[in-house]
């Protein structure tokens, strides 16, 4: 069964850090493009960070640049989102998404991901 399962969300004070994990089962993430997204209450879903088919092709939305880092651990079939200096505006449900197989498209976020996780809540208190 194909699954993406996020974990690592929680409550943190402004300025704090969290590391989100996205573990895949039923397929491998090795070279697949992966994205982290978030949806805040009353807002549209937005992309946060993406990693392409090679690990040097990560991109970030401007609001998280320099604070968040996307990475993958192929041995654990897991992708991470390291979040530092969290701000109240980062509060949202965070989702990971992945290609089913590497498509080797140009670097950047994909218009379409095949699999999505169920989300993990990040709450930032001011």
Foldseek 3Di string as FASTA:
>chain_A
DWAWAKDFADEEAQQAKIKIKIAIPPAAQQQKKKWKWWDDPPGDIDTAKIAHRDRVQIDGDPVQPPFWDWDDDRVRSMIMIIGGRDDQVVWGWMKMFIARDHPPDDGDDDPDGDHMHPTDTHGYHD
